[in-house]
Protein backbone atom coordinates (compact mmCIF):
# COMPACT_ATOMS: atom_id res chain seq x y z
CA MET A 1 9.56 -5.83 28.77
CA SER A 2 11.75 -5.81 25.68
CA GLU A 3 12.36 -2.52 24.07
CA LEU A 4 11.74 -4.08 20.57
CA LEU A 5 8.32 -5.26 19.30
CA PRO A 6 8.10 -9.04 18.83
CA VAL A 7 7.57 -9.69 15.28
CA THR A 8 8.95 -6.58 13.45
CA ARG A 9 11.61 -5.87 16.07
CA ILE A 10 11.12 -2.27 15.70
CA PRO A 11 11.76 0.07 18.97
CA ARG A 12 8.48 0.61 21.15
CA THR A 13 9.29 4.17 21.42
CA GLY A 14 11.11 7.18 19.56
CA LEU A 15 10.06 6.46 16.03
CA PRO A 16 8.40 9.09 13.79
CA PRO A 17 4.47 9.31 13.77
CA ARG A 18 4.26 9.09 9.80
CA ALA A 19 5.22 5.84 7.72
CA VAL A 20 4.76 4.63 4.17
CA VAL A 21 4.87 0.70 3.73
CA VAL A 22 5.64 -1.35 0.68
CA GLY A 23 5.60 -5.18 0.43
CA ASP A 24 9.11 -5.81 -0.47
CA PRO A 25 12.12 -5.22 1.69
CA PHE A 26 14.30 -4.44 -1.15
CA ARG A 27 11.86 -1.82 -2.33
CA ALA A 28 11.89 -0.48 1.30
CA GLU A 29 15.63 0.04 0.93
CA ARG A 30 15.36 1.63 -2.52
CA MET A 31 12.85 4.06 -1.35
CA ALA A 32 14.87 4.85 1.79
CA LYS A 33 17.69 5.77 -0.36
CA ARG A 34 15.53 8.86 -1.59
CA LEU A 35 15.69 9.98 2.12
CA ASP A 36 17.81 12.38 4.09
CA ASP A 37 20.06 10.85 6.79
CA ALA A 38 18.36 7.34 6.40
CA VAL A 39 19.37 4.70 8.62
CA GLU A 40 18.10 1.15 8.98
CA VAL A 41 15.83 0.61 12.30
CA ALA A 42 15.03 -3.12 11.97
CA TRP A 43 14.96 -6.05 9.69
CA ALA A 44 12.92 -9.31 10.85
CA ARG A 45 11.59 -11.66 8.51
CA GLU A 46 9.83 -9.60 5.61
CA TYR A 47 9.67 -6.68 7.78
CA ARG A 48 12.19 -4.05 7.15
CA THR A 49 12.19 -0.40 8.58
CA PHE A 50 14.25 2.59 7.84
CA ARG A 51 13.88 6.14 9.20
CA GLY A 52 14.99 9.40 7.56
CA SER A 53 13.64 12.75 6.62
CA TRP A 54 11.61 13.86 3.60
CA GLN A 55 11.45 17.60 2.91
CA GLY A 56 12.84 18.23 6.54
CA VAL A 57 10.04 15.96 8.05
CA GLU A 58 11.04 12.64 9.96
CA VAL A 59 9.36 9.46 8.41
CA LEU A 60 9.51 5.86 8.30
CA VAL A 61 9.66 3.41 5.44
CA SER A 62 8.78 -0.05 6.23
CA SER A 63 7.96 -3.25 4.48
CA HIS A 64 5.25 -6.01 5.16
CA GLY A 65 5.61 -8.68 2.69
CA VAL A 66 2.87 -10.45 0.71
CA GLY A 67 -0.82 -10.86 2.08
CA GLY A 68 -2.91 -9.28 4.60
CA PRO A 69 -2.43 -11.44 7.51
CA GLY A 70 1.32 -10.64 7.49
CA ALA A 71 0.84 -7.27 6.68
CA ILE A 72 -1.42 -6.49 9.43
CA CYS A 73 1.39 -7.43 11.99
CA LEU A 74 3.35 -4.78 10.72
CA PHE A 75 0.29 -2.34 10.85
CA GLN A 76 -0.29 -3.31 14.64
CA GLU A 77 3.35 -3.01 15.61
CA LEU A 78 3.76 0.43 13.93
CA THR A 79 0.55 1.44 15.83
CA ASP A 80 2.00 0.07 19.06
CA ALA A 81 5.21 2.41 18.49
CA GLY A 82 3.25 5.48 18.15
CA VAL A 83 2.84 5.66 14.44
CA ARG A 84 -0.60 7.51 13.57
CA THR A 85 -0.26 8.35 9.62
CA VAL A 86 0.24 5.07 7.40
CA LEU A 87 0.10 5.27 3.43
CA ARG A 88 0.85 1.96 1.39
CA LEU A 89 2.64 2.01 -1.87
CA GLY A 90 2.13 -1.10 -3.56
CA THR A 91 1.41 -2.60 -7.28
CA ALA A 92 -1.61 -3.74 -8.62
CA GLY A 93 -3.40 -5.34 -11.65
CA ALA A 94 -5.63 -3.08 -13.80
CA MET A 95 -9.09 -4.10 -14.26
CA GLN A 96 -10.68 -1.27 -16.18
CA PRO A 97 -9.88 -0.01 -19.91
CA GLY A 98 -7.89 3.13 -19.76
CA ILE A 99 -5.64 2.42 -16.97
CA GLY A 100 -2.16 1.73 -18.08
CA ASP A 101 0.97 0.10 -16.96
CA GLY A 102 2.92 2.51 -14.68
CA ASP A 103 -0.25 4.59 -13.82
CA LEU A 104 -1.27 5.17 -10.27
CA VAL A 105 -4.42 4.07 -8.50
CA ILE A 106 -5.27 6.11 -5.37
CA ALA A 107 -7.82 3.87 -3.39
CA GLU A 108 -10.75 5.53 -1.89
CA ALA A 109 -12.09 2.11 -0.58
CA CYS A 110 -11.35 -1.44 -0.78
CA VAL A 111 -13.36 -4.82 -1.34
CA ARG A 112 -12.43 -6.73 1.81
CA ASP A 113 -11.38 -9.93 0.19
CA ASP A 114 -8.09 -10.02 2.09
CA GLY A 115 -8.16 -13.09 4.17
CA VAL A 116 -7.62 -11.54 7.73
CA THR A 117 -10.14 -8.79 8.73
CA GLN A 118 -12.97 -11.34 8.16
CA GLN A 119 -11.52 -12.61 11.43
CA LEU A 120 -11.67 -9.04 12.94
CA VAL A 121 -14.69 -7.27 12.12
CA PRO A 122 -18.37 -8.06 10.70
CA PRO A 123 -18.83 -8.67 6.75
CA GLU A 124 -20.75 -5.16 6.67
CA TYR A 125 -17.81 -3.26 8.18
CA PRO A 126 -16.12 -0.95 5.28
CA ALA A 127 -12.45 -0.63 4.25
CA VAL A 128 -12.19 3.21 3.64
CA SER A 129 -9.23 5.57 3.25
CA SER A 130 -9.07 8.49 5.17
CA PRO A 131 -10.46 11.42 3.03
CA GLU A 132 -7.59 13.66 3.62
CA ALA A 133 -5.30 10.80 2.61
CA VAL A 134 -7.13 10.53 -0.80
CA LEU A 135 -6.72 14.23 -1.22
CA ALA A 136 -3.11 14.47 -0.29
CA LEU A 137 -2.13 11.70 -2.48
CA ALA A 138 -4.26 13.08 -5.55
CA ALA A 139 -2.63 16.58 -4.97
CA ALA A 140 0.85 14.87 -4.77
CA ALA A 141 0.07 13.02 -8.14
CA ARG A 142 -1.27 16.06 -9.86
CA GLU A 143 2.07 18.19 -8.68
CA ARG A 144 4.57 15.22 -10.18
CA GLN A 145 2.19 15.13 -13.15
CA ALA A 146 1.83 11.32 -12.62
CA PRO A 147 -0.92 9.81 -14.44
CA HIS A 148 -3.40 8.60 -11.89
CA HIS A 149 -6.97 7.15 -11.13
CA ARG A 150 -9.10 7.50 -7.96
CA GLY A 151 -11.85 4.78 -7.08
CA LEU A 152 -12.20 1.43 -5.51
CA VAL A 153 -9.73 -1.40 -5.43
CA TRP A 154 -10.11 -4.96 -4.76
CA THR A 155 -7.83 -6.67 -1.97
CA ARG A 156 -7.61 -10.28 -2.69
CA ALA A 157 -5.92 -12.91 -0.40
CA ALA A 158 -5.12 -15.47 -3.17
CA PHE A 159 -2.30 -14.55 -5.99
CA TYR A 160 -2.60 -17.53 -7.93
CA PRO A 161 -6.04 -19.26 -9.12
CA GLY A 162 -7.21 -22.27 -7.65
CA LEU A 163 -10.36 -24.66 -8.23
CA LEU A 164 -12.78 -21.93 -7.27
CA PRO A 165 -14.10 -19.35 -10.05
CA VAL A 166 -12.55 -15.82 -9.51
CA PRO A 167 -15.65 -13.30 -9.46
CA MET A 168 -13.46 -10.78 -11.83
CA PRO A 169 -16.41 -9.99 -14.27
CA ALA A 170 -18.75 -8.83 -11.53
CA TYR A 171 -16.08 -6.47 -10.04
CA VAL A 172 -15.08 -5.31 -13.40
CA GLN A 173 -18.68 -4.59 -14.19
CA ALA A 174 -18.97 -2.75 -10.73
CA GLY A 175 -16.08 -0.35 -11.75
CA VAL A 176 -13.44 -1.71 -9.54
CA LEU A 177 -10.24 -0.14 -10.82
CA ALA A 178 -7.48 -2.49 -9.56
CA ILE A 179 -6.62 -5.58 -7.74
CA GLU A 180 -4.08 -6.06 -4.94
CA MET A 181 -3.29 -8.06 -1.83
CA GLU A 182 -2.64 -5.95 1.49
CA LEU A 183 -4.74 -2.38 1.25
CA SER A 184 -8.19 -3.36 2.93
CA ALA A 185 -6.30 -4.73 5.95
CA LEU A 186 -4.55 -1.35 6.43
CA LEU A 187 -7.72 0.72 6.15
CA VAL A 188 -9.71 -1.52 8.29
CA HIS A 189 -6.93 -1.49 10.98
CA GLY A 190 -6.53 2.38 10.55
CA SER A 191 -10.25 2.84 11.09
CA LEU A 192 -10.19 0.55 14.42
CA HIS A 193 -7.16 2.49 15.62
CA GLY A 194 -8.10 6.04 14.92
CA LEU A 195 -5.04 6.37 12.21
CA THR A 196 -4.75 8.20 9.08
CA THR A 197 -4.54 5.58 6.32
CA GLY A 198 -4.67 5.50 2.58
CA GLY A 199 -2.78 3.66 -0.51
CA VAL A 200 -1.62 4.47 -4.03
CA LEU A 201 -1.00 1.30 -6.13
CA VAL A 202 1.25 1.14 -9.43
CA ILE A 203 -0.27 -0.64 -12.19
CA ASP A 204 1.99 -3.41 -13.08
CA GLY A 205 -0.23 -5.48 -15.47
CA VAL A 206 -3.89 -6.41 -16.46
CA ALA A 207 -5.58 -8.59 -14.21
CA ALA A 208 -8.70 -8.88 -16.44
CA ASP A 209 -7.42 -10.73 -19.54
CA GLU A 210 -10.62 -10.04 -21.37
CA LEU A 211 -9.94 -6.29 -21.61
CA ARG A 212 -6.92 -6.65 -23.90
CA GLU A 213 -4.61 -9.06 -25.35
CA THR A 214 -1.64 -9.76 -22.90
CA THR A 215 1.44 -11.88 -23.34
CA GLY A 216 1.57 -12.80 -19.55
CA TYR A 217 2.28 -11.16 -16.23
CA ASP A 218 5.62 -9.51 -16.04
CA PRO A 219 5.90 -6.65 -13.42
CA HIS A 220 9.66 -6.55 -13.99
CA ARG A 221 9.51 -4.09 -16.97
CA GLU A 222 10.88 -0.41 -17.31
CA VAL A 223 7.33 1.19 -17.63
CA VAL A 224 6.27 -0.36 -14.29
CA ALA A 225 9.73 0.65 -12.58
CA ALA A 226 9.25 4.25 -13.89
CA GLY A 227 5.88 4.08 -12.28
CA VAL A 228 7.12 2.79 -8.86
CA GLU A 229 9.59 5.66 -8.92
CA ARG A 230 6.83 8.37 -9.43
CA GLY A 231 4.89 6.36 -6.79
CA MET A 232 7.50 6.73 -4.15
CA ASP A 233 7.95 10.41 -4.55
CA VAL A 234 3.92 10.83 -4.65
CA ALA A 235 3.65 8.80 -1.47
CA LEU A 236 6.26 10.69 0.35
CA ASP A 237 5.02 14.08 -0.61
CA ALA A 238 1.49 13.08 0.48
CA LEU A 239 2.98 11.90 3.99
CA VAL A 240 4.44 15.17 4.54
CA ARG A 241 1.15 16.99 3.57
CA LEU A 242 -0.81 14.88 6.16
CA GLY A 243 1.56 16.41 8.80
């Protein structure tokens, strides 16, 4: 048997039991630079993994790419390697007034529209964060004085619209805070495997255009970059709290 797992190429054994996961391999690299004694463990396809320490605690930072079907490959192989706590740091579009660019959204649960968990569990099965993860993320956000919100998130597989109507108005009316692409896959995977899982998302634009005028989607703005920086610290702080 190979000492490396087949998709991500991370080692089967010897890794820390706590991880923060992000979409972008280069965001994983930027986050790893915050760690003490950071080393790159593996990089295969979109899956890039670093290990290091934060506040004296060993952690992993891994990237999973775009979309739930690919991301769940990382989640499964982290689990196979012995990781038991996984927090996702991502970006999302706001769906409610009062949620600003760069704000954090801490997910209590997700709408499962991710394109993969429908093939794993019945449609009635929920995608819920571990309560202790929600509380740890909220406490870390308060300590960092990071603007944040708690509530429901919509995980949707399609980024660009097609011919079918997008049910945005109904979810806005139902109070869903933000839309992203991978978190519900992590939460369902976590429930199925007894993991501690959660997510904190940085708002990088407005998904519901009717909420305010917008000049178009541009996630590469200073206000978003500052929010991501805060989100990195909040996620790592919460990960240590969950020890």
